[in-house]
Amino acid sequence: VFNGKFVFELADNIPTNYWKQVGFIPLANN
């Protein structure tokens, strides 16, 4: 979402560990 800032939200069904392996937007901790 672009709402004056950039906001990325991972879908509920996507594990953070999976995204950390394949994703291009870093997530802090979990």
Full PDB file with SEQRES, HELIX, SHEET, SSBOND, CRYST1, ORIGX, SCALE, CONECT and MASTER records, all heavy atoms in Angstrom:
SEQRES   1 A   30  VAL PHE ASN GLY LYS PHE VAL PHE GLU LEU ALA ASP ASN          
SEQRES   2 A   30  ILE PRO THR ASN TYR TRP LYS GLN VAL GLY PHE ILE PRO          
SEQRES   3 A   30  LEU ALA ASN ASN                                              
HELIX    1 AA1 THR A   16  VAL A   22  1                                   7    
CRYST1    1.000    1.000    1.000  90.00  90.00  90.00 P 1           1          
ORIGX1      1.000000  0.000000  0.000000        0.00000                         
ORIGX2      0.000000  1.000000  0.000000        0.00000                         
ORIGX3      0.000000  0.000000  1.000000        0.00000                         
SCALE1      1.000000  0.000000  0.000000        0.00000                         
SCALE2      0.000000  1.000000  0.000000        0.00000                         
SCALE3      0.000000  0.000000  1.000000        0.00000                         
ATOM      1  N   VAL A   1       0.850  -1.183   0.000  1.00  0.00           N  
ATOM      2  CA  VAL A   1       0.000   0.000   0.000  1.00  0.00           C  
ATOM      3  C   VAL A   1       0.889   1.236   0.000  1.00  0.00           C  
ATOM      4  O   VAL A   1       1.850   1.316   0.768  1.00  0.00           O  
ATOM      5  CB  VAL A   1      -0.929   0.025   1.239  1.00  0.00           C  
ATOM      6  CG1 VAL A   1      -1.784   1.285   1.253  1.00  0.00           C  
ATOM      7  CG2 VAL A   1      -1.810  -1.212   1.279  1.00  0.00           C  
ATOM      8  N   PHE A   2       0.569   2.167  -0.887  1.00  0.00           N  
ATOM      9  CA  PHE A   2       1.208   3.473  -0.898  1.00  0.00           C  
ATOM     10  C   PHE A   2       0.187   4.453  -0.346  1.00  0.00           C  
ATOM     11  O   PHE A   2      -0.845   4.691  -0.966  1.00  0.00           O  
ATOM     12  CB  PHE A   2       1.607   3.876  -2.321  1.00  0.00           C  
ATOM     13  CG  PHE A   2       2.648   2.976  -2.921  1.00  0.00           C  
ATOM     14  CD1 PHE A   2       2.286   1.910  -3.726  1.00  0.00           C  
ATOM     15  CD2 PHE A   2       3.992   3.196  -2.680  1.00  0.00           C  
ATOM     16  CE1 PHE A   2       3.246   1.086  -4.280  1.00  0.00           C  
ATOM     17  CE2 PHE A   2       4.959   2.369  -3.228  1.00  0.00           C  
ATOM     18  CZ  PHE A   2       4.582   1.312  -4.034  1.00  0.00           C  
ATOM     19  N   ASN A   3       0.439   4.978   0.839  1.00  0.00           N  
ATOM     20  CA  ASN A   3      -0.501   5.899   1.478  1.00  0.00           C  
ATOM     21  C   ASN A   3       0.242   7.082   2.087  1.00  0.00           C  
ATOM     22  O   ASN A   3      -0.043   7.501   3.194  1.00  0.00           O  
ATOM     23  CB  ASN A   3      -1.336   5.179   2.537  1.00  0.00           C  
ATOM     24  CG  ASN A   3      -0.483   4.610   3.657  1.00  0.00           C  
ATOM     25  OD1 ASN A   3       0.725   4.759   3.655  1.00  0.00           O  
ATOM     26  ND2 ASN A   3      -1.105   3.954   4.612  1.00  0.00           N  
ATOM     27  N   GLY A   4       1.189   7.606   1.353  1.00  0.00           N  
ATOM     28  CA  GLY A   4       2.081   8.623   1.890  1.00  0.00           C  
ATOM     29  C   GLY A   4       3.368   7.984   2.386  1.00  0.00           C  
ATOM     30  O   GLY A   4       4.372   8.641   2.603  1.00  0.00           O  
ATOM     31  N   LYS A   5       3.328   6.695   2.590  1.00  0.00           N  
ATOM     32  CA  LYS A   5       4.499   5.879   2.890  1.00  0.00           C  
ATOM     33  C   LYS A   5       4.273   4.521   2.243  1.00  0.00           C  
ATOM     34  O   LYS A   5       3.200   4.231   1.735  1.00  0.00           O  
ATOM     35  CB  LYS A   5       4.758   5.757   4.389  1.00  0.00           C  
ATOM     36  CG  LYS A   5       3.708   4.995   5.151  1.00  0.00           C  
ATOM     37  CD  LYS A   5       4.159   4.637   6.550  1.00  0.00           C  
ATOM     38  CE  LYS A   5       3.843   5.703   7.553  1.00  0.00           C  
ATOM     39  NZ  LYS A   5       4.199   5.316   8.914  1.00  0.00           N  
ATOM     40  N   PHE A   6       5.299   3.701   2.258  1.00  0.00           N  
ATOM     41  CA  PHE A   6       5.240   2.354   1.704  1.00  0.00           C  
ATOM     42  C   PHE A   6       4.916   1.399   2.842  1.00  0.00           C  
ATOM     43  O   PHE A   6       5.566   1.433   3.886  1.00  0.00           O  
ATOM     44  CB  PHE A   6       6.615   2.011   1.109  1.00  0.00           C  
ATOM     45  CG  PHE A   6       6.785   0.573   0.724  1.00  0.00           C  
ATOM     46  CD1 PHE A   6       6.527   0.157  -0.562  1.00  0.00           C  
ATOM     47  CD2 PHE A   6       7.216  -0.367   1.651  1.00  0.00           C  
ATOM     48  CE1 PHE A   6       6.705  -1.168  -0.927  1.00  0.00           C  
ATOM     49  CE2 PHE A   6       7.393  -1.691   1.301  1.00  0.00           C  
ATOM     50  CZ  PHE A   6       7.129  -2.088   0.004  1.00  0.00           C  
ATOM     51  N   VAL A   7       3.893   0.556   2.653  1.00  0.00           N  
ATOM     52  CA  VAL A   7       3.546  -0.440   3.664  1.00  0.00           C  
ATOM     53  C   VAL A   7       3.393  -1.795   2.967  1.00  0.00           C  
ATOM     54  O   VAL A   7       2.593  -1.934   2.042  1.00  0.00           O  
ATOM     55  CB  VAL A   7       2.222  -0.089   4.386  1.00  0.00           C  
ATOM     56  CG1 VAL A   7       1.889  -1.148   5.434  1.00  0.00           C  
ATOM     57  CG2 VAL A   7       2.304   1.286   5.037  1.00  0.00           C  
ATOM     58  N   PHE A   8       4.189  -2.757   3.401  1.00  0.00           N  
ATOM     59  CA  PHE A   8       4.082  -4.127   2.894  1.00  0.00           C  
ATOM     60  C   PHE A   8       3.547  -4.987   4.021  1.00  0.00           C  
ATOM     61  O   PHE A   8       4.010  -4.898   5.159  1.00  0.00           O  
ATOM     62  CB  PHE A   8       5.453  -4.658   2.460  1.00  0.00           C  
ATOM     63  CG  PHE A   8       5.477  -6.135   2.198  1.00  0.00           C  
ATOM     64  CD1 PHE A   8       4.801  -6.672   1.114  1.00  0.00           C  
ATOM     65  CD2 PHE A   8       6.168  -7.000   3.029  1.00  0.00           C  
ATOM     66  CE1 PHE A   8       4.826  -8.036   0.865  1.00  0.00           C  
ATOM     67  CE2 PHE A   8       6.196  -8.363   2.799  1.00  0.00           C  
ATOM     68  CZ  PHE A   8       5.514  -8.877   1.709  1.00  0.00           C  
ATOM     69  N   GLU A   9       2.553  -5.817   3.689  1.00  0.00           N  
ATOM     70  CA  GLU A   9       2.032  -6.755   4.679  1.00  0.00           C  
ATOM     71  C   GLU A   9       1.986  -8.148   4.064  1.00  0.00           C  
ATOM     72  O   GLU A   9       1.362  -8.373   3.024  1.00  0.00           O  
ATOM     73  CB  GLU A   9       0.640  -6.349   5.145  1.00  0.00           C  
ATOM     74  CG  GLU A   9       0.145  -7.225   6.274  1.00  0.00           C  
ATOM     75  CD  GLU A   9      -1.111  -6.691   6.947  1.00  0.00           C  
ATOM     76  OE1 GLU A   9      -1.495  -5.550   6.678  1.00  0.00           O  
ATOM     77  OE2 GLU A   9      -1.684  -7.447   7.734  1.00  0.00           O  
ATOM     78  N   LEU A  10       2.673  -9.071   4.701  1.00  0.00           N  
ATOM     79  CA  LEU A  10       2.710 -10.460   4.268  1.00  0.00           C  
ATOM     80  C   LEU A  10       1.357 -11.106   4.557  1.00  0.00           C  
ATOM     81  O   LEU A  10       0.771 -10.888   5.618  1.00  0.00           O  
ATOM     82  CB  LEU A  10       3.820 -11.179   5.034  1.00  0.00           C  
ATOM     83  CG  LEU A  10       4.276 -12.543   4.559  1.00  0.00           C  
ATOM     84  CD1 LEU A  10       4.861 -12.466   3.152  1.00  0.00           C  
ATOM     85  CD2 LEU A  10       5.320 -13.102   5.517  1.00  0.00           C  
ATOM     86  N   ALA A  11       0.862 -11.893   3.619  1.00  0.00           N  
ATOM     87  CA  ALA A  11      -0.425 -12.579   3.807  1.00  0.00           C  
ATOM     88  C   ALA A  11      -0.346 -13.527   5.005  1.00  0.00           C  
ATOM     89  O   ALA A  11       0.721 -14.071   5.314  1.00  0.00           O  
ATOM     90  CB  ALA A  11      -0.798 -13.355   2.541  1.00  0.00           C  
ATOM     91  N   ASP A  12      -1.475 -13.725   5.659  1.00  0.00           N  
ATOM     92  CA  ASP A  12      -1.531 -14.572   6.863  1.00  0.00           C  
ATOM     93  C   ASP A  12      -1.043 -15.993   6.605  1.00  0.00           C  
ATOM     94  O   ASP A  12      -0.441 -16.614   7.475  1.00  0.00           O  
ATOM     95  CB  ASP A  12      -2.957 -14.628   7.413  1.00  0.00           C  
ATOM     96  CG  ASP A  12      -3.377 -13.317   8.052  1.00  0.00           C  
ATOM     97  OD1 ASP A  12      -2.496 -12.517   8.443  1.00  0.00           O  
ATOM     98  OD2 ASP A  12      -4.590 -13.089   8.156  1.00  0.00           O  
ATOM     99  N   ASN A  13      -1.293 -16.512   5.405  1.00  0.00           N  
ATOM    100  CA  ASN A  13      -0.940 -17.901   5.109  1.00  0.00           C  
ATOM    101  C   ASN A  13       0.516 -18.089   4.649  1.00  0.00           C  
ATOM    102  O   ASN A  13       0.942 -19.209   4.386  1.00  0.00           O  
ATOM    103  CB  ASN A  13      -1.884 -18.480   4.053  1.00  0.00           C  
ATOM    104  CG  ASN A  13      -1.766 -17.766   2.720  1.00  0.00           C  
ATOM    105  OD1 ASN A  13      -1.605 -16.548   2.661  1.00  0.00           O  
ATOM    106  ND2 ASN A  13      -1.866 -18.513   1.640  1.00  0.00           N  
ATOM    107  N   ILE A  14       1.289 -17.011   4.574  1.00  0.00           N  
ATOM    108  CA  ILE A  14       2.688 -17.108   4.143  1.00  0.00           C  
ATOM    109  C   ILE A  14       3.594 -17.026   5.375  1.00  0.00           C  
ATOM    110  O   ILE A  14       3.624 -16.003   6.054  1.00  0.00           O  
ATOM    111  CB  ILE A  14       3.055 -15.977   3.154  1.00  0.00           C  
ATOM    112  CG1 ILE A  14       2.105 -15.966   1.962  1.00  0.00           C  
ATOM    113  CG2 ILE A  14       4.505 -16.102   2.716  1.00  0.00           C  
ATOM    114  CD1 ILE A  14       2.140 -17.214   1.105  1.00  0.00           C  
ATOM    115  N   PRO A  15       4.334 -18.082   5.681  1.00  0.00           N  
ATOM    116  CA  PRO A  15       5.231 -18.053   6.836  1.00  0.00           C  
ATOM    117  C   PRO A  15       6.369 -17.036   6.639  1.00  0.00           C  
ATOM    118  O   PRO A  15       6.921 -16.916   5.543  1.00  0.00           O  
ATOM    119  CB  PRO A  15       5.802 -19.473   6.912  1.00  0.00           C  
ATOM    120  CG  PRO A  15       4.910 -20.308   6.045  1.00  0.00           C  
ATOM    121  CD  PRO A  15       4.325 -19.392   5.018  1.00  0.00           C  
ATOM    122  N   THR A  16       6.712 -16.340   7.706  1.00  0.00           N  
ATOM    123  CA  THR A  16       7.798 -15.360   7.603  1.00  0.00           C  
ATOM    124  C   THR A  16       9.117 -16.024   7.222  1.00  0.00           C  
ATOM    125  O   THR A  16       9.907 -15.431   6.489  1.00  0.00           O  
ATOM    126  CB  THR A  16       7.958 -14.565   8.915  1.00  0.00           C  
ATOM    127  OG1 THR A  16       8.130 -15.483   9.990  1.00  0.00           O  
ATOM    128  CG2 THR A  16       6.769 -13.675   9.174  1.00  0.00           C  
ATOM    129  N   ASN A  17       9.361 -17.238   7.672  1.00  0.00           N  
ATOM    130  CA  ASN A  17      10.604 -17.924   7.306  1.00  0.00           C  
ATOM    131  C   ASN A  17      10.692 -18.167   5.808  1.00  0.00           C  
ATOM    132  O   ASN A  17      11.762 -18.066   5.209  1.00  0.00           O  
ATOM    133  CB  ASN A  17      10.745 -19.244   8.065  1.00  0.00           C  
ATOM    134  CG  ASN A  17      11.095 -19.022   9.515  1.00  0.00           C  
ATOM    135  OD1 ASN A  17      11.612 -17.968   9.874  1.00  0.00           O  
ATOM    136  ND2 ASN A  17      10.801 -19.990  10.352  1.00  0.00           N  
ATOM    137  N   TYR A  18       9.573 -18.509   5.178  1.00  0.00           N  
ATOM    138  CA  TYR A  18       9.540 -18.692   3.723  1.00  0.00           C  
ATOM    139  C   TYR A  18       9.880 -17.371   3.031  1.00  0.00           C  
ATOM    140  O   TYR A  18      10.726 -17.315   2.135  1.00  0.00           O  
ATOM    141  CB  TYR A  18       8.171 -19.203   3.281  1.00  0.00           C  
ATOM    142  CG  TYR A  18       7.976 -19.186   1.785  1.00  0.00           C  
ATOM    143  CD1 TYR A  18       8.556 -20.155   0.980  1.00  0.00           C  
ATOM    144  CD2 TYR A  18       7.228 -18.186   1.169  1.00  0.00           C  
ATOM    145  CE1 TYR A  18       8.402 -20.131  -0.401  1.00  0.00           C  
ATOM    146  CE2 TYR A  18       7.064 -18.151  -0.204  1.00  0.00           C  
ATOM    147  CZ  TYR A  18       7.651 -19.129  -0.981  1.00  0.00           C  
ATOM    148  OH  TYR A  18       7.498 -19.084  -2.340  1.00  0.00           O  
ATOM    149  N   TRP A  19       9.224 -16.291   3.460  1.00  0.00           N  
ATOM    150  CA  TRP A  19       9.454 -14.988   2.832  1.00  0.00           C  
ATOM    151  C   TRP A  19      10.899 -14.534   3.008  1.00  0.00           C  
ATOM    152  O   TRP A  19      11.495 -13.971   2.098  1.00  0.00           O  
ATOM    153  CB  TRP A  19       8.487 -13.941   3.373  1.00  0.00           C  
ATOM    154  CG  TRP A  19       8.708 -12.605   2.740  1.00  0.00           C  
ATOM    155  CD1 TRP A  19       9.206 -11.485   3.328  1.00  0.00           C  
ATOM    156  CD2 TRP A  19       8.481 -12.255   1.369  1.00  0.00           C  
ATOM    157  NE1 TRP A  19       9.307 -10.462   2.427  1.00  0.00           N  
ATOM    158  CE2 TRP A  19       8.864 -10.915   1.210  1.00  0.00           C  
ATOM    159  CE3 TRP A  19       8.008 -12.951   0.258  1.00  0.00           C  
ATOM    160  CZ2 TRP A  19       8.767 -10.250  -0.006  1.00  0.00           C  
ATOM    161  CZ3 TRP A  19       7.908 -12.284  -0.957  1.00  0.00           C  
ATOM    162  CH2 TRP A  19       8.287 -10.954  -1.076  1.00  0.00           C  
ATOM    163  N   LYS A  20      11.479 -14.795   4.155  1.00  0.00           N  
ATOM    164  CA  LYS A  20      12.865 -14.388   4.389  1.00  0.00           C  
ATOM    165  C   LYS A  20      13.820 -15.101   3.445  1.00  0.00           C  
ATOM    166  O   LYS A  20      14.875 -14.582   3.105  1.00  0.00           O  
ATOM    167  CB  LYS A  20      13.258 -14.639   5.846  1.00  0.00           C  
ATOM    168  CG  LYS A  20      12.622 -13.622   6.785  1.00  0.00           C  
ATOM    169  CD  LYS A  20      12.987 -13.893   8.221  1.00  0.00           C  
ATOM    170  CE  LYS A  20      12.309 -12.890   9.136  1.00  0.00           C  
ATOM    171  NZ  LYS A  20      12.648 -13.092  10.533  1.00  0.00           N  
ATOM    172  N   GLN A  21      13.450 -16.287   2.974  1.00  0.00           N  
ATOM    173  CA  GLN A  21      14.291 -17.029   2.033  1.00  0.00           C  
ATOM    174  C   GLN A  21      14.132 -16.537   0.604  1.00  0.00           C  
ATOM    175  O   GLN A  21      15.099 -16.500  -0.151  1.00  0.00           O  
ATOM    176  CB  GLN A  21      13.957 -18.516   2.086  1.00  0.00           C  
ATOM    177  CG  GLN A  21      14.339 -19.180   3.371  1.00  0.00           C  
ATOM    178  CD  GLN A  21      13.837 -20.612   3.436  1.00  0.00           C  
ATOM    179  OE1 GLN A  21      13.397 -21.192   2.446  1.00  0.00           O  
ATOM    180  NE2 GLN A  21      13.886 -21.186   4.625  1.00  0.00           N  
ATOM    181  N   VAL A  22      12.913 -16.171   0.205  1.00  0.00           N  
ATOM    182  CA  VAL A  22      12.660 -15.856  -1.199  1.00  0.00           C  
ATOM    183  C   VAL A  22      12.329 -14.395  -1.464  1.00  0.00           C  
ATOM    184  O   VAL A  22      12.344 -13.959  -2.605  1.00  0.00           O  
ATOM    185  CB  VAL A  22      11.516 -16.726  -1.772  1.00  0.00           C  
ATOM    186  CG1 VAL A  22      11.836 -18.204  -1.661  1.00  0.00           C  
ATOM    187  CG2 VAL A  22      10.189 -16.399  -1.113  1.00  0.00           C  
ATOM    188  N   GLY A  23      12.005 -13.647  -0.430  1.00  0.00           N  
ATOM    189  CA  GLY A  23      11.489 -12.298  -0.613  1.00  0.00           C  
ATOM    190  C   GLY A  23      12.535 -11.235  -0.852  1.00  0.00           C  
ATOM    191  O   GLY A  23      13.713 -11.422  -0.597  1.00  0.00           O  
ATOM    192  N   PHE A  24      12.079 -10.104  -1.347  1.00  0.00           N  
ATOM    193  CA  PHE A  24      12.965  -8.978  -1.631  1.00  0.00           C  
ATOM    194  C   PHE A  24      12.687  -7.780  -0.734  1.00  0.00           C  
ATOM    195  O   PHE A  24      13.365  -6.759  -0.839  1.00  0.00           O  
ATOM    196  CB  PHE A  24      12.857  -8.570  -3.109  1.00  0.00           C  
ATOM    197  CG  PHE A  24      11.461  -8.189  -3.532  1.00  0.00           C  
ATOM    198  CD1 PHE A  24      11.037  -6.882  -3.460  1.00  0.00           C  
ATOM    199  CD2 PHE A  24      10.587  -9.150  -4.013  1.00  0.00           C  
ATOM    200  CE1 PHE A  24       9.758  -6.529  -3.847  1.00  0.00           C  
ATOM    201  CE2 PHE A  24       9.307  -8.808  -4.412  1.00  0.00           C  
ATOM    202  CZ  PHE A  24       8.891  -7.488  -4.324  1.00  0.00           C  
ATOM    203  N   ILE A  25      11.709  -7.875   0.156  1.00  0.00           N  
ATOM    204  CA  ILE A  25      11.431  -6.831   1.139  1.00  0.00           C  
ATOM    205  C   ILE A  25      11.763  -7.416   2.504  1.00  0.00           C  
ATOM    206  O   ILE A  25      11.118  -8.361   2.947  1.00  0.00           O  
ATOM    207  CB  ILE A  25       9.952  -6.384   1.087  1.00  0.00           C  
ATOM    208  CG1 ILE A  25       9.615  -5.840  -0.295  1.00  0.00           C  
ATOM    209  CG2 ILE A  25       9.665  -5.353   2.181  1.00  0.00           C  
ATOM    210  CD1 ILE A  25       8.135  -5.599  -0.523  1.00  0.00           C  
ATOM    211  N   PRO A  26      12.789  -6.907   3.167  1.00  0.00           N  
ATOM    212  CA  PRO A  26      13.184  -7.489   4.444  1.00  0.00           C  
ATOM    213  C   PRO A  26      12.152  -7.233   5.544  1.00  0.00           C  
ATOM    214  O   PRO A  26      11.539  -6.176   5.596  1.00  0.00           O  
ATOM    215  CB  PRO A  26      14.504  -6.798   4.766  1.00  0.00           C  
ATOM    216  CG  PRO A  26      14.580  -5.617   3.890  1.00  0.00           C  
ATOM    217  CD  PRO A  26      13.653  -5.804   2.755  1.00  0.00           C  
ATOM    218  N   LEU A  27      11.974  -8.239   6.383  1.00  0.00           N  
ATOM    219  CA  LEU A  27      11.090  -8.140   7.536  1.00  0.00           C  
ATOM    220  C   LEU A  27      11.930  -8.266   8.801  1.00  0.00           C  
ATOM    221  O   LEU A  27      12.781  -9.146   8.894  1.00  0.00           O  
ATOM    222  CB  LEU A  27      10.031  -9.250   7.504  1.00  0.00           C  
ATOM    223  CG  LEU A  27       9.085  -9.247   6.309  1.00  0.00           C  
ATOM    224  CD1 LEU A  27       8.212 -10.493   6.332  1.00  0.00           C  
ATOM    225  CD2 LEU A  27       8.225  -7.996   6.307  1.00  0.00           C  
ATOM    226  N   ALA A  28      11.671  -7.409   9.760  1.00  0.00           N  
ATOM    227  CA  ALA A  28      12.407  -7.463  11.026  1.00  0.00           C  
ATOM    228  C   ALA A  28      11.831  -8.566  11.907  1.00  0.00           C  
ATOM    229  O   ALA A  28      10.608  -8.690  12.039  1.00  0.00           O  
ATOM    230  CB  ALA A  28      12.306  -6.120  11.743  1.00  0.00           C  
ATOM    231  N   ASN A  29      12.716  -9.371  12.479  1.00  0.00           N  
ATOM    232  CA  ASN A  29      12.318 -10.459  13.378  1.00  0.00           C  
ATOM    233  C   ASN A  29      11.238 -11.312  12.720  1.00  0.00           C  
ATOM    234  O   ASN A  29      11.411 -11.747  11.602  1.00  0.00           O  
ATOM    235  CB  ASN A  29      11.875  -9.902  14.725  1.00  0.00           C  
ATOM    236  CG  ASN A  29      12.980  -9.096  15.376  1.00  0.00           C  
ATOM    237  OD1 ASN A  29      14.127  -9.491  15.348  1.00  0.00           O  
ATOM    238  ND2 ASN A  29      12.635  -7.954  15.929  1.00  0.00           N  
ATOM    239  N   ASN A  30      10.137 -11.551  13.370  1.00  0.00           N  
ATOM    240  CA  ASN A  30       9.044 -12.331  12.777  1.00  0.00           C  
ATOM    241  C   ASN A  30       7.867 -11.455  12.389  1.00  0.00           C  
ATOM    242  O   ASN A  30       6.745 -11.932  12.268  1.00  0.00           O  
ATOM    243  CB  ASN A  30       8.594 -13.435  13.730  1.00  0.00           C  
ATOM    244  CG  ASN A  30       9.579 -14.589  13.744  1.00  0.00           C  
ATOM    245  OD1 ASN A  30      10.193 -14.892  12.729  1.00  0.00           O  
ATOM    246  ND2 ASN A  30       9.739 -15.221  14.890  1.00  0.00           N  
TER     247      ASN A  30                                                      
MASTER        0    0    0    1    0    0    0    6  246    1    0    3          
END                                                                             
